[in-house]
């Protein structure tokens, strides 16, 4: 009788699917599908036409002890590079930014701490400095009468700061955490065997970045788009930026004379007062093949009289 009961239990377990399949849980969502990871207002802003901001990413630092062993590459920081690459991919997916990369992280960090970021001459609106402040993995097992399961879990916390490259001021800081897990099981010796799942590292970091990506994008788009006059000849202005930034023929922009720059005595930081509008210019053509050499040719609109010199005192805005 006992033998029959045991046989029925085994058969019931096998037919009910006790051999566990791999399960992976990644928090967050996809910007392109409009999941809950992106607020409706931000989703609408992403779908509208926007001139692209230039964003430079300094390599993330890995501040965890975990990175002192197998989570390093030939340059000493594989996990920091993963975080940087994931963030760059997420921002690129929005089609609102031109991503630049700055690998000299140590120098950048030093200049930020001493308020000399402008001396590096980063050709971007914002510089992103990040760090992986927490990272770890754990394995847990459960053993039953006929089955055994093993679960691998990776968790990560990522911190990000946005630095205004013109003032050197840290204008925004945020952090996010994520976790990812996989589970395999076997019954009566049948089923999967769990090897080391390296993909969990990416998924945990990706989950951490996903939780804060909406706030990062919102802050990056908050700064007004600007360009600058490079030269003037035969009634035409050449301004920086072209097709890659979203500029096209017939676009109209306002030309401003820069406002006075004063120093805030409370913070010691420079503040640029509002500029004076000089009129509008219209794009007639875009030239160049890369982000670095693209320019746009523009003409004044409505017969407005514009300066033909002292271009360092001018800027172009949307």
C-alpha atoms as a PDB file:
ATOM      1  CA  UNK A   1       0.000   0.000   0.000  1.00  0.00           C
ATOM      2  CA  UNK A   2       2.796   2.459   0.937  1.00  0.00           C
ATOM      3  CA  UNK A   3       4.581   1.651  -2.307  1.00  0.00           C
ATOM      4  CA  UNK A   4       1.430   2.494  -4.325  1.00  0.00           C
ATOM      5  CA  UNK A   5       1.047   5.836  -2.516  1.00  0.00           C
ATOM      6  CA  UNK A   6       4.688   6.708  -3.203  1.00  0.00           C
ATOM      7  CA  UNK A   7       4.260   5.870  -6.889  1.00  0.00           C
ATOM      8  CA  UNK A   8       1.158   8.064  -7.113  1.00  0.00           C
ATOM      9  CA  UNK A   9       2.998  10.976  -5.467  1.00  0.00           C
ATOM     10  CA  UNK A  10       5.893  10.719  -7.907  1.00  0.00           C
ATOM     11  CA  UNK A  11       3.601  10.485 -10.933  1.00  0.00           C
ATOM     12  CA  UNK A  12       1.538  13.404  -9.690  1.00  0.00           C
ATOM     13  CA  UNK A  13       4.638  15.522  -9.218  1.00  0.00           C
ATOM     14  CA  UNK A  14       5.959  14.723 -12.697  1.00  0.00           C
ATOM     15  CA  UNK A  15       2.647  15.387 -14.439  1.00  0.00           C
ATOM     16  CA  UNK A  16       2.121  18.677 -12.595  1.00  0.00           C
ATOM     17  CA  UNK A  17       5.387  20.123 -13.885  1.00  0.00           C
ATOM     18  CA  UNK A  18       7.633  19.964 -10.820  1.00  0.00           C
ATOM     19  CA  UNK A  19      10.729  20.305 -13.049  1.00  0.00           C
ATOM     20  CA  UNK A  20      11.273  24.043 -12.741  1.00  0.00           C
ATOM     21  CA  UNK A  21      12.089  26.218 -15.711  1.00  0.00           C
ATOM     22  CA  UNK A  22      14.452  29.163 -15.565  1.00  0.00           C
ATOM     23  CA  UNK A  23      12.709  32.276 -14.303  1.00  0.00           C
ATOM     24  CA  UNK A  24      14.216  35.745 -14.769  1.00  0.00           C
ATOM     25  CA  UNK A  25      12.711  38.859 -13.253  1.00  0.00           C
ATOM     26  CA  UNK A  26      13.871  42.257 -14.498  1.00  0.00           C
ATOM     27  CA  UNK A  27      12.211  45.338 -13.030  1.00  0.00           C
ATOM     28  CA  UNK A  28      11.484  48.458 -15.035  1.00  0.00           C
ATOM     29  CA  UNK A  29      10.217  48.958 -18.545  1.00  0.00           C
ATOM     30  CA  UNK A  30      11.031  49.908 -22.111  1.00  0.00           C
ATOM     31  CA  UNK A  31      11.056  53.566 -23.120  1.00  0.00           C
ATOM     32  CA  UNK A  32       9.938  52.704 -26.637  1.00  0.00           C
ATOM     33  CA  UNK A  33       6.746  50.936 -25.519  1.00  0.00           C
ATOM     34  CA  UNK A  34       5.608  53.606 -23.086  1.00  0.00           C
ATOM     35  CA  UNK A  35       5.562  51.279 -20.086  1.00  0.00           C
ATOM     36  CA  UNK A  36       4.934  52.598 -16.550  1.00  0.00           C
ATOM     37  CA  UNK A  37       8.679  53.335 -16.307  1.00  0.00           C
ATOM     38  CA  UNK A  38       8.003  56.571 -18.246  1.00  0.00           C
ATOM     39  CA  UNK A  39       5.433  59.108 -17.049  1.00  0.00           C
ATOM     40  CA  UNK A  40       2.729  60.102 -19.602  1.00  0.00           C
ATOM     41  CA  UNK A  41       3.921  63.722 -19.742  1.00  0.00           C
ATOM     42  CA  UNK A  42       7.492  62.640 -20.394  1.00  0.00           C
ATOM     43  CA  UNK A  43       6.341  60.099 -22.987  1.00  0.00           C
ATOM     44  CA  UNK A  44       4.550  62.901 -24.873  1.00  0.00           C
ATOM     45  CA  UNK A  45       7.694  65.036 -24.690  1.00  0.00           C
ATOM     46  CA  UNK A  46       9.795  62.178 -26.061  1.00  0.00           C
ATOM     47  CA  UNK A  47       7.429  61.686 -28.983  1.00  0.00           C
ATOM     48  CA  UNK A  48       7.509  65.377 -29.954  1.00  0.00           C
ATOM     49  CA  UNK A  49      10.213  66.798 -32.182  1.00  0.00           C
ATOM     50  CA  UNK A  50      13.060  68.174 -30.112  1.00  0.00           C
ATOM     51  CA  UNK A  51      16.491  69.460 -31.052  1.00  0.00           C
ATOM     52  CA  UNK A  52      18.970  67.013 -29.595  1.00  0.00           C
ATOM     53  CA  UNK A  53      21.053  67.930 -26.585  1.00  0.00           C
ATOM     54  CA  UNK A  54      24.653  66.779 -26.403  1.00  0.00           C
ATOM     55  CA  UNK A  55      25.360  64.613 -23.380  1.00  0.00           C
ATOM     56  CA  UNK A  56      28.776  63.329 -22.355  1.00  0.00           C
ATOM     57  CA  UNK A  57      29.167  60.285 -20.134  1.00  0.00           C
ATOM     58  CA  UNK A  58      32.245  59.906 -17.987  1.00  0.00           C
ATOM     59  CA  UNK A  59      32.983  56.277 -17.264  1.00  0.00           C
ATOM     60  CA  UNK A  60      31.148  55.052 -14.175  1.00  0.00           C
ATOM     61  CA  UNK A  61      33.262  54.156 -11.173  1.00  0.00           C
ATOM     62  CA  UNK A  62      32.698  50.941  -9.254  1.00  0.00           C
ATOM     63  CA  UNK A  63      32.688  51.766  -5.550  1.00  0.00           C
ATOM     64  CA  UNK A  64      31.874  48.242  -4.388  1.00  0.00           C
ATOM     65  CA  UNK A  65      34.253  45.688  -2.945  1.00  0.00           C
ATOM     66  CA  UNK A  66      32.687  43.186  -5.304  1.00  0.00           C
ATOM     67  CA  UNK A  67      34.513  44.828  -8.197  1.00  0.00           C
ATOM     68  CA  UNK A  68      37.927  43.974  -6.829  1.00  0.00           C
ATOM     69  CA  UNK A  69      37.760  40.401  -8.085  1.00  0.00           C
ATOM     70  CA  UNK A  70      36.195  38.831 -11.163  1.00  0.00           C
ATOM     71  CA  UNK A  71      34.008  41.853 -12.004  1.00  0.00           C
ATOM     72  CA  UNK A  72      36.950  43.692 -13.552  1.00  0.00           C
ATOM     73  CA  UNK A  73      38.203  43.875 -17.117  1.00  0.00           C
ATOM     74  CA  UNK A  74      41.583  44.786 -18.609  1.00  0.00           C
ATOM     75  CA  UNK A  75      40.911  48.379 -17.602  1.00  0.00           C
ATOM     76  CA  UNK A  76      39.984  47.369 -14.060  1.00  0.00           C
ATOM     77  CA  UNK A  77      36.255  48.094 -14.042  1.00  0.00           C
ATOM     78  CA  UNK A  78      33.883  45.857 -15.976  1.00  0.00           C
ATOM     79  CA  UNK A  79      30.817  46.537 -13.850  1.00  0.00           C
ATOM     80  CA  UNK A  80      31.276  50.314 -14.118  1.00  0.00           C
ATOM     81  CA  UNK A  81      31.546  50.010 -17.892  1.00  0.00           C
ATOM     82  CA  UNK A  82      28.342  47.948 -17.958  1.00  0.00           C
ATOM     83  CA  UNK A  83      26.443  50.684 -16.126  1.00  0.00           C
ATOM     84  CA  UNK A  84      27.784  53.370 -18.461  1.00  0.00           C
ATOM     85  CA  UNK A  85      26.895  51.388 -21.589  1.00  0.00           C
ATOM     86  CA  UNK A  86      23.365  50.599 -20.359  1.00  0.00           C
ATOM     87  CA  UNK A  87      22.648  54.246 -19.527  1.00  0.00           C
ATOM     88  CA  UNK A  88      24.004  55.395 -22.905  1.00  0.00           C
ATOM     89  CA  UNK A  89      21.798  52.838 -24.685  1.00  0.00           C
ATOM     90  CA  UNK A  90      18.686  53.957 -22.791  1.00  0.00           C
ATOM     91  CA  UNK A  91      19.289  57.630 -23.579  1.00  0.00           C
ATOM     92  CA  UNK A  92      20.044  56.847 -27.229  1.00  0.00           C
ATOM     93  CA  UNK A  93      16.741  54.950 -27.524  1.00  0.00           C
ATOM     94  CA  UNK A  94      14.833  58.181 -26.853  1.00  0.00           C
ATOM     95  CA  UNK A  95      16.354  59.763 -30.011  1.00  0.00           C
ATOM     96  CA  UNK A  96      16.633  63.048 -28.082  1.00  0.00           C
ATOM     97  CA  UNK A  97      20.335  63.094 -27.301  1.00  0.00           C
ATOM     98  CA  UNK A  98      23.704  62.922 -28.986  1.00  0.00           C
ATOM     99  CA  UNK A  99      25.827  60.735 -26.754  1.00  0.00           C
ATOM    100  CA  UNK A 100      29.493  61.580 -26.266  1.00  0.00           C
ATOM    101  CA  UNK A 101      31.889  59.538 -24.182  1.00  0.00           C
ATOM    102  CA  UNK A 102      34.648  60.789 -21.921  1.00  0.00           C
ATOM    103  CA  UNK A 103      36.944  58.034 -20.654  1.00  0.00           C
ATOM    104  CA  UNK A 104      39.234  60.230 -18.530  1.00  0.00           C
ATOM    105  CA  UNK A 105      37.039  59.775 -15.472  1.00  0.00           C
ATOM    106  CA  UNK A 106      39.677  60.464 -12.825  1.00  0.00           C
ATOM    107  CA  UNK A 107      40.547  63.861 -14.279  1.00  0.00           C
ATOM    108  CA  UNK A 108      36.886  64.791 -14.687  1.00  0.00           C
ATOM    109  CA  UNK A 109      36.119  63.795 -11.103  1.00  0.00           C
ATOM    110  CA  UNK A 110      38.983  65.944  -9.837  1.00  0.00           C
ATOM    111  CA  UNK A 111      37.898  68.961 -11.885  1.00  0.00           C
ATOM    112  CA  UNK A 112      34.284  68.666 -10.679  1.00  0.00           C
ATOM    113  CA  UNK A 113      35.379  68.548  -7.045  1.00  0.00           C
ATOM    114  CA  UNK A 114      37.452  71.716  -7.536  1.00  0.00           C
ATOM    115  CA  UNK A 115      34.837  73.538  -9.628  1.00  0.00           C
ATOM    116  CA  UNK A 116      36.987  73.634 -12.778  1.00  0.00           C
ATOM    117  CA  UNK A 117      34.882  71.508 -15.129  1.00  0.00           C
ATOM    118  CA  UNK A 118      34.810  74.274 -17.782  1.00  0.00           C
ATOM    119  CA  UNK A 119      38.594  73.911 -18.147  1.00  0.00           C
ATOM    120  CA  UNK A 120      38.150  70.423 -19.638  1.00  0.00           C
ATOM    121  CA  UNK A 121      36.143  71.929 -22.528  1.00  0.00           C
ATOM    122  CA  UNK A 122      33.564  69.145 -22.754  1.00  0.00           C
ATOM    123  CA  UNK A 123      31.569  69.755 -25.987  1.00  0.00           C
ATOM    124  CA  UNK A 124      28.223  68.940 -24.369  1.00  0.00           C
ATOM    125  CA  UNK A 125      25.358  70.519 -22.450  1.00  0.00           C
ATOM    126  CA  UNK A 126      25.585  68.072 -19.564  1.00  0.00           C
ATOM    127  CA  UNK A 127      28.187  65.696 -18.213  1.00  0.00           C
ATOM    128  CA  UNK A 128      26.957  62.546 -16.490  1.00  0.00           C
ATOM    129  CA  UNK A 129      29.060  61.149 -13.665  1.00  0.00           C
ATOM    130  CA  UNK A 130      27.960  57.849 -12.202  1.00  0.00           C
ATOM    131  CA  UNK A 131      28.973  55.179  -9.744  1.00  0.00           C
ATOM    132  CA  UNK A 132      27.808  51.707  -8.802  1.00  0.00           C
ATOM    133  CA  UNK A 133      27.578  52.073  -5.021  1.00  0.00           C
ATOM    134  CA  UNK A 134      26.214  48.619  -4.220  1.00  0.00           C
ATOM    135  CA  UNK A 135      26.464  45.310  -6.007  1.00  0.00           C
ATOM    136  CA  UNK A 136      26.203  41.727  -4.869  1.00  0.00           C
ATOM    137  CA  UNK A 137      25.008  38.228  -5.582  1.00  0.00           C
ATOM    138  CA  UNK A 138      23.577  35.448  -3.490  1.00  0.00           C
ATOM    139  CA  UNK A 139      22.598  31.822  -4.043  1.00  0.00           C
ATOM    140  CA  UNK A 140      19.800  30.089  -2.151  1.00  0.00           C
ATOM    141  CA  UNK A 141      18.624  26.486  -2.332  1.00  0.00           C
ATOM    142  CA  UNK A 142      15.547  24.591  -1.267  1.00  0.00           C
ATOM    143  CA  UNK A 143      15.463  20.827  -0.956  1.00  0.00           C
ATOM    144  CA  UNK A 144      12.196  18.919  -0.859  1.00  0.00           C
ATOM    145  CA  UNK A 145      11.313  15.244  -0.661  1.00  0.00           C
ATOM    146  CA  UNK A 146      11.631  14.753  -4.417  1.00  0.00           C
ATOM    147  CA  UNK A 147      12.915  18.084  -5.713  1.00  0.00           C
ATOM    148  CA  UNK A 148      15.720  20.601  -5.392  1.00  0.00           C
ATOM    149  CA  UNK A 149      15.736  24.233  -6.500  1.00  0.00           C
ATOM    150  CA  UNK A 150      18.551  26.757  -6.725  1.00  0.00           C
ATOM    151  CA  UNK A 151      18.004  30.505  -7.045  1.00  0.00           C
ATOM    152  CA  UNK A 152      20.633  33.080  -8.060  1.00  0.00           C
ATOM    153  CA  UNK A 153      19.968  36.730  -7.243  1.00  0.00           C
ATOM    154  CA  UNK A 154      21.931  39.837  -8.238  1.00  0.00           C
ATOM    155  CA  UNK A 155      21.241  43.313  -6.860  1.00  0.00           C
ATOM    156  CA  UNK A 156      22.696  46.727  -7.657  1.00  0.00           C
ATOM    157  CA  UNK A 157      22.419  50.379  -6.685  1.00  0.00           C
ATOM    158  CA  UNK A 158      23.519  53.111  -9.108  1.00  0.00           C
ATOM    159  CA  UNK A 159      24.110  56.795  -8.340  1.00  0.00           C
ATOM    160  CA  UNK A 160      24.142  59.502 -11.020  1.00  0.00           C
ATOM    161  CA  UNK A 161      25.015  63.206 -11.019  1.00  0.00           C
ATOM    162  CA  UNK A 162      24.404  65.698 -13.820  1.00  0.00           C
ATOM    163  CA  UNK A 163      26.980  68.467 -14.172  1.00  0.00           C
ATOM    164  CA  UNK A 164      26.381  71.654 -16.147  1.00  0.00           C
ATOM    165  CA  UNK A 165      29.501  71.848 -18.317  1.00  0.00           C
ATOM    166  CA  UNK A 166      29.330  75.656 -18.569  1.00  0.00           C
ATOM    167  CA  UNK A 167      29.228  76.363 -14.824  1.00  0.00           C
ATOM    168  CA  UNK A 168      30.642  73.151 -13.357  1.00  0.00           C
ATOM    169  CA  UNK A 169      27.662  72.976 -11.013  1.00  0.00           C
ATOM    170  CA  UNK A 170      26.092  69.648 -10.067  1.00  0.00           C
ATOM    171  CA  UNK A 171      22.476  70.390 -10.957  1.00  0.00           C
ATOM    172  CA  UNK A 172      20.862  67.034 -10.267  1.00  0.00           C
ATOM    173  CA  UNK A 173      21.535  63.807  -8.414  1.00  0.00           C
ATOM    174  CA  UNK A 174      19.570  60.595  -8.131  1.00  0.00           C
ATOM    175  CA  UNK A 175      19.940  56.907  -7.384  1.00  0.00           C
ATOM    176  CA  UNK A 176      18.139  53.717  -8.281  1.00  0.00           C
ATOM    177  CA  UNK A 177      18.300  50.084  -7.223  1.00  0.00           C
ATOM    178  CA  UNK A 178      17.434  46.911  -9.099  1.00  0.00           C
ATOM    179  CA  UNK A 179      17.350  43.173  -8.600  1.00  0.00           C
ATOM    180  CA  UNK A 180      17.257  40.205 -10.964  1.00  0.00           C
ATOM    181  CA  UNK A 181      16.972  36.486 -10.264  1.00  0.00           C
ATOM    182  CA  UNK A 182      16.946  33.135 -12.009  1.00  0.00           C
ATOM    183  CA  UNK A 183      15.745  29.832 -10.604  1.00  0.00           C
ATOM    184  CA  UNK A 184      16.175  26.271 -11.787  1.00  0.00           C
ATOM    185  CA  UNK A 185      15.042  23.027 -10.257  1.00  0.00           C
ATOM    186  CA  UNK A 186      15.072  19.284 -10.626  1.00  0.00           C
ATOM    187  CA  UNK A 187      12.838  16.444  -9.550  1.00  0.00           C
ATOM    188  CA  UNK A 188      14.205  12.954  -8.922  1.00  0.00           C
ATOM    189  CA  UNK A 189      17.457  14.049 -10.556  1.00  0.00           C
ATOM    190  CA  UNK A 190      15.759  15.300 -13.724  1.00  0.00           C
ATOM    191  CA  UNK A 191      15.837  18.973 -14.725  1.00  0.00           C
ATOM    192  CA  UNK A 192      18.240  21.836 -15.258  1.00  0.00           C
ATOM    193  CA  UNK A 193      21.510  22.423 -13.466  1.00  0.00           C
ATOM    194  CA  UNK A 194      22.300  25.996 -12.537  1.00  0.00           C
ATOM    195  CA  UNK A 195      25.645  27.328 -13.707  1.00  0.00           C
ATOM    196  CA  UNK A 196      26.826  30.871 -13.037  1.00  0.00           C
ATOM    197  CA  UNK A 197      24.352  33.230 -14.744  1.00  0.00           C
ATOM    198  CA  UNK A 198      26.409  36.252 -15.828  1.00  0.00           C
ATOM    199  CA  UNK A 199      23.379  37.938 -17.440  1.00  0.00           C
ATOM    200  CA  UNK A 200      21.966  38.724 -14.010  1.00  0.00           C
ATOM    201  CA  UNK A 201      24.646  41.400 -13.534  1.00  0.00           C
ATOM    202  CA  UNK A 202      23.353  43.333 -16.559  1.00  0.00           C
ATOM    203  CA  UNK A 203      19.726  42.863 -15.549  1.00  0.00           C
ATOM    204  CA  UNK A 204      20.255  44.136 -12.001  1.00  0.00           C
ATOM    205  CA  UNK A 205      22.125  47.237 -13.211  1.00  0.00           C
ATOM    206  CA  UNK A 206      19.562  47.782 -15.963  1.00  0.00           C
ATOM    207  CA  UNK A 207      16.762  47.592 -13.399  1.00  0.00           C
ATOM    208  CA  UNK A 208      18.488  50.194 -11.228  1.00  0.00           C
ATOM    209  CA  UNK A 209      18.910  52.582 -14.167  1.00  0.00           C
ATOM    210  CA  UNK A 210      15.346  52.000 -15.374  1.00  0.00           C
ATOM    211  CA  UNK A 211      13.930  53.181 -12.062  1.00  0.00           C
ATOM    212  CA  UNK A 212      15.529  56.609 -12.414  1.00  0.00           C
ATOM    213  CA  UNK A 213      15.770  57.058 -16.203  1.00  0.00           C
ATOM    214  CA  UNK A 214      12.590  59.132 -16.404  1.00  0.00           C
ATOM    215  CA  UNK A 215      13.919  61.747 -13.968  1.00  0.00           C
ATOM    216  CA  UNK A 216      17.267  61.856 -15.771  1.00  0.00           C
ATOM    217  CA  UNK A 217      15.669  62.421 -19.183  1.00  0.00           C
ATOM    218  CA  UNK A 218      13.326  65.065 -17.801  1.00  0.00           C
ATOM    219  CA  UNK A 219      16.252  66.996 -16.324  1.00  0.00           C
ATOM    220  CA  UNK A 220      18.356  66.689 -19.481  1.00  0.00           C
ATOM    221  CA  UNK A 221      15.517  68.088 -21.603  1.00  0.00           C
ATOM    222  CA  UNK A 222      14.861  70.852 -19.093  1.00  0.00           C
ATOM    223  CA  UNK A 223      17.864  72.864 -20.266  1.00  0.00           C
ATOM    224  CA  UNK A 224      16.995  75.029 -23.328  1.00  0.00           C
ATOM    225  CA  UNK A 225      18.713  74.056 -26.570  1.00  0.00           C
ATOM    226  CA  UNK A 226      21.424  76.447 -27.750  1.00  0.00           C
ATOM    227  CA  UNK A 227      23.782  76.804 -30.666  1.00  0.00           C
ATOM    228  CA  UNK A 228      26.409  79.351 -31.623  1.00  0.00           C
ATOM    229  CA  UNK A 229      27.362  81.505 -34.605  1.00  0.00           C
ATOM    230  CA  UNK A 230      30.594  80.356 -36.242  1.00  0.00           C
ATOM    231  CA  UNK A 231      30.966  82.836 -39.089  1.00  0.00           C
ATOM    232  CA  UNK A 232      29.216  85.316 -41.390  1.00  0.00           C
ATOM    233  CA  UNK A 233      29.686  85.981 -45.107  1.00  0.00           C
ATOM    234  CA  UNK A 234      27.558  87.308 -47.984  1.00  0.00           C
ATOM    235  CA  UNK A 235      24.509  87.816 -45.793  1.00  0.00           C
ATOM    236  CA  UNK A 236      24.570  84.261 -44.432  1.00  0.00           C
ATOM    237  CA  UNK A 237      25.350  82.944 -40.965  1.00  0.00           C
ATOM    238  CA  UNK A 238      26.919  79.564 -40.275  1.00  0.00           C
ATOM    239  CA  UNK A 239      25.832  78.095 -36.943  1.00  0.00           C
ATOM    240  CA  UNK A 240      27.009  74.972 -35.144  1.00  0.00           C
ATOM    241  CA  UNK A 241      24.846  71.864 -35.482  1.00  0.00           C
ATOM    242  CA  UNK A 242      23.026  70.169 -38.302  1.00  0.00           C
ATOM    243  CA  UNK A 243      20.996  67.141 -39.276  1.00  0.00           C
ATOM    244  CA  UNK A 244      22.200  64.902 -36.432  1.00  0.00           C
ATOM    245  CA  UNK A 245      20.832  67.390 -33.901  1.00  0.00           C
ATOM    246  CA  UNK A 246      17.465  67.502 -35.644  1.00  0.00           C
ATOM    247  CA  UNK A 247      17.972  70.795 -37.501  1.00  0.00           C
ATOM    248  CA  UNK A 248      16.351  70.950 -40.934  1.00  0.00           C
ATOM    249  CA  UNK A 249      15.740  73.462 -43.705  1.00  0.00           C
ATOM    250  CA  UNK A 250      13.136  76.177 -42.960  1.00  0.00           C
ATOM    251  CA  UNK A 251      13.649  75.930 -39.199  1.00  0.00           C
ATOM    252  CA  UNK A 252      13.681  79.352 -37.549  1.00  0.00           C
ATOM    253  CA  UNK A 253      15.709  80.266 -34.478  1.00  0.00           C
ATOM    254  CA  UNK A 254      16.127  83.374 -32.380  1.00  0.00           C
ATOM    255  CA  UNK A 255      19.495  85.089 -32.132  1.00  0.00           C
ATOM    256  CA  UNK A 256      20.423  86.568 -28.755  1.00  0.00           C
ATOM    257  CA  UNK A 257      23.155  88.744 -27.406  1.00  0.00           C
ATOM    258  CA  UNK A 258      24.484  87.067 -24.272  1.00  0.00           C
ATOM    259  CA  UNK A 259      23.448  88.537 -20.965  1.00  0.00           C
ATOM    260  CA  UNK A 260      25.891  89.723 -18.351  1.00  0.00           C
ATOM    261  CA  UNK A 261      27.554  87.026 -16.265  1.00  0.00           C
ATOM    262  CA  UNK A 262      27.601  87.778 -12.549  1.00  0.00           C
ATOM    263  CA  UNK A 263      28.817  85.783  -9.568  1.00  0.00           C
ATOM    264  CA  UNK A 264      26.375  84.714  -6.898  1.00  0.00           C
ATOM    265  CA  UNK A 265      28.053  85.696  -3.607  1.00  0.00           C
ATOM    266  CA  UNK A 266      26.170  82.981  -1.706  1.00  0.00           C
ATOM    267  CA  UNK A 267      27.410  80.096  -3.852  1.00  0.00           C
ATOM    268  CA  UNK A 268      30.388  81.582  -5.680  1.00  0.00           C
ATOM    269  CA  UNK A 269      28.926  80.261  -8.951  1.00  0.00           C
ATOM    270  CA  UNK A 270      28.470  82.308 -12.139  1.00  0.00           C
ATOM    271  CA  UNK A 271      24.963  83.247 -13.261  1.00  0.00           C
ATOM    272  CA  UNK A 272      24.179  84.369 -16.807  1.00  0.00           C
ATOM    273  CA  UNK A 273      21.421  86.966 -16.965  1.00  0.00           C
ATOM    274  CA  UNK A 274      18.791  86.714 -19.740  1.00  0.00           C
ATOM    275  CA  UNK A 275      20.027  87.653 -23.200  1.00  0.00           C
ATOM    276  CA  UNK A 276      18.672  90.355 -25.508  1.00  0.00           C
ATOM    277  CA  UNK A 277      16.748  89.150 -28.577  1.00  0.00           C
ATOM    278  CA  UNK A 278      18.198  90.479 -31.850  1.00  0.00           C
ATOM    279  CA  UNK A 279      15.793  88.860 -34.302  1.00  0.00           C
ATOM    280  CA  UNK A 280      15.319  85.559 -36.103  1.00  0.00           C
ATOM    281  CA  UNK A 281      17.291  83.535 -38.603  1.00  0.00           C
ATOM    282  CA  UNK A 282      16.081  80.802 -40.958  1.00  0.00           C
ATOM    283  CA  UNK A 283      17.916  77.622 -41.946  1.00  0.00           C
ATOM    284  CA  UNK A 284      18.422  77.296 -45.709  1.00  0.00           C
ATOM    285  CA  UNK A 285      20.749  74.271 -45.739  1.00  0.00           C
ATOM    286  CA  UNK A 286      22.653  71.848 -43.500  1.00  0.00           C
ATOM    287  CA  UNK A 287      26.184  70.618 -44.202  1.00  0.00           C
ATOM    288  CA  UNK A 288      28.539  68.030 -42.728  1.00  0.00           C
ATOM    289  CA  UNK A 289      28.622  64.285 -42.261  1.00  0.00           C
ATOM    290  CA  UNK A 290      29.291  63.795 -38.537  1.00  0.00           C
ATOM    291  CA  UNK A 291      28.238  65.376 -35.262  1.00  0.00           C
ATOM    292  CA  UNK A 292      31.638  67.045 -35.021  1.00  0.00           C
ATOM    293  CA  UNK A 293      31.590  68.819 -38.399  1.00  0.00           C
ATOM    294  CA  UNK A 294      27.905  69.513 -39.001  1.00  0.00           C
ATOM    295  CA  UNK A 295      26.842  73.132 -39.529  1.00  0.00           C
ATOM    296  CA  UNK A 296      23.755  74.968 -40.783  1.00  0.00           C
ATOM    297  CA  UNK A 297      23.581  77.926 -43.159  1.00  0.00           C
ATOM    298  CA  UNK A 298      21.045  80.571 -42.121  1.00  0.00           C
ATOM    299  CA  UNK A 299      19.729  83.929 -43.300  1.00  0.00           C
ATOM    300  CA  UNK A 300      18.021  86.757 -41.360  1.00  0.00           C
ATOM    301  CA  UNK A 301      14.216  86.743 -41.320  1.00  0.00           C
ATOM    302  CA  UNK A 302      12.160  89.828 -42.146  1.00  0.00           C
ATOM    303  CA  UNK A 303      15.098  92.079 -42.961  1.00  0.00           C
ATOM    304  CA  UNK A 304      16.306  92.133 -39.353  1.00  0.00           C
ATOM    305  CA  UNK A 305      19.703  93.734 -38.827  1.00  0.00           C
ATOM    306  CA  UNK A 306      22.055  91.252 -37.188  1.00  0.00           C
ATOM    307  CA  UNK A 307      25.665  91.604 -35.968  1.00  0.00           C
ATOM    308  CA  UNK A 308      28.348  90.400 -38.358  1.00  0.00           C
ATOM    309  CA  UNK A 309      31.150  90.173 -35.766  1.00  0.00           C
ATOM    310  CA  UNK A 310      31.803  89.478 -32.065  1.00  0.00           C
ATOM    311  CA  UNK A 311      30.193  86.047 -32.369  1.00  0.00           C
ATOM    312  CA  UNK A 312      31.428  85.016 -28.927  1.00  0.00           C
ATOM    313  CA  UNK A 313      28.786  87.388 -27.529  1.00  0.00           C
ATOM    314  CA  UNK A 314      25.931  85.710 -29.425  1.00  0.00           C
ATOM    315  CA  UNK A 315      23.952  82.503 -29.161  1.00  0.00           C
ATOM    316  CA  UNK A 316      21.087  80.829 -31.014  1.00  0.00           C
ATOM    317  CA  UNK A 317      18.036  79.420 -29.235  1.00  0.00           C
ATOM    318  CA  UNK A 318      14.824  77.646 -30.145  1.00  0.00           C
END
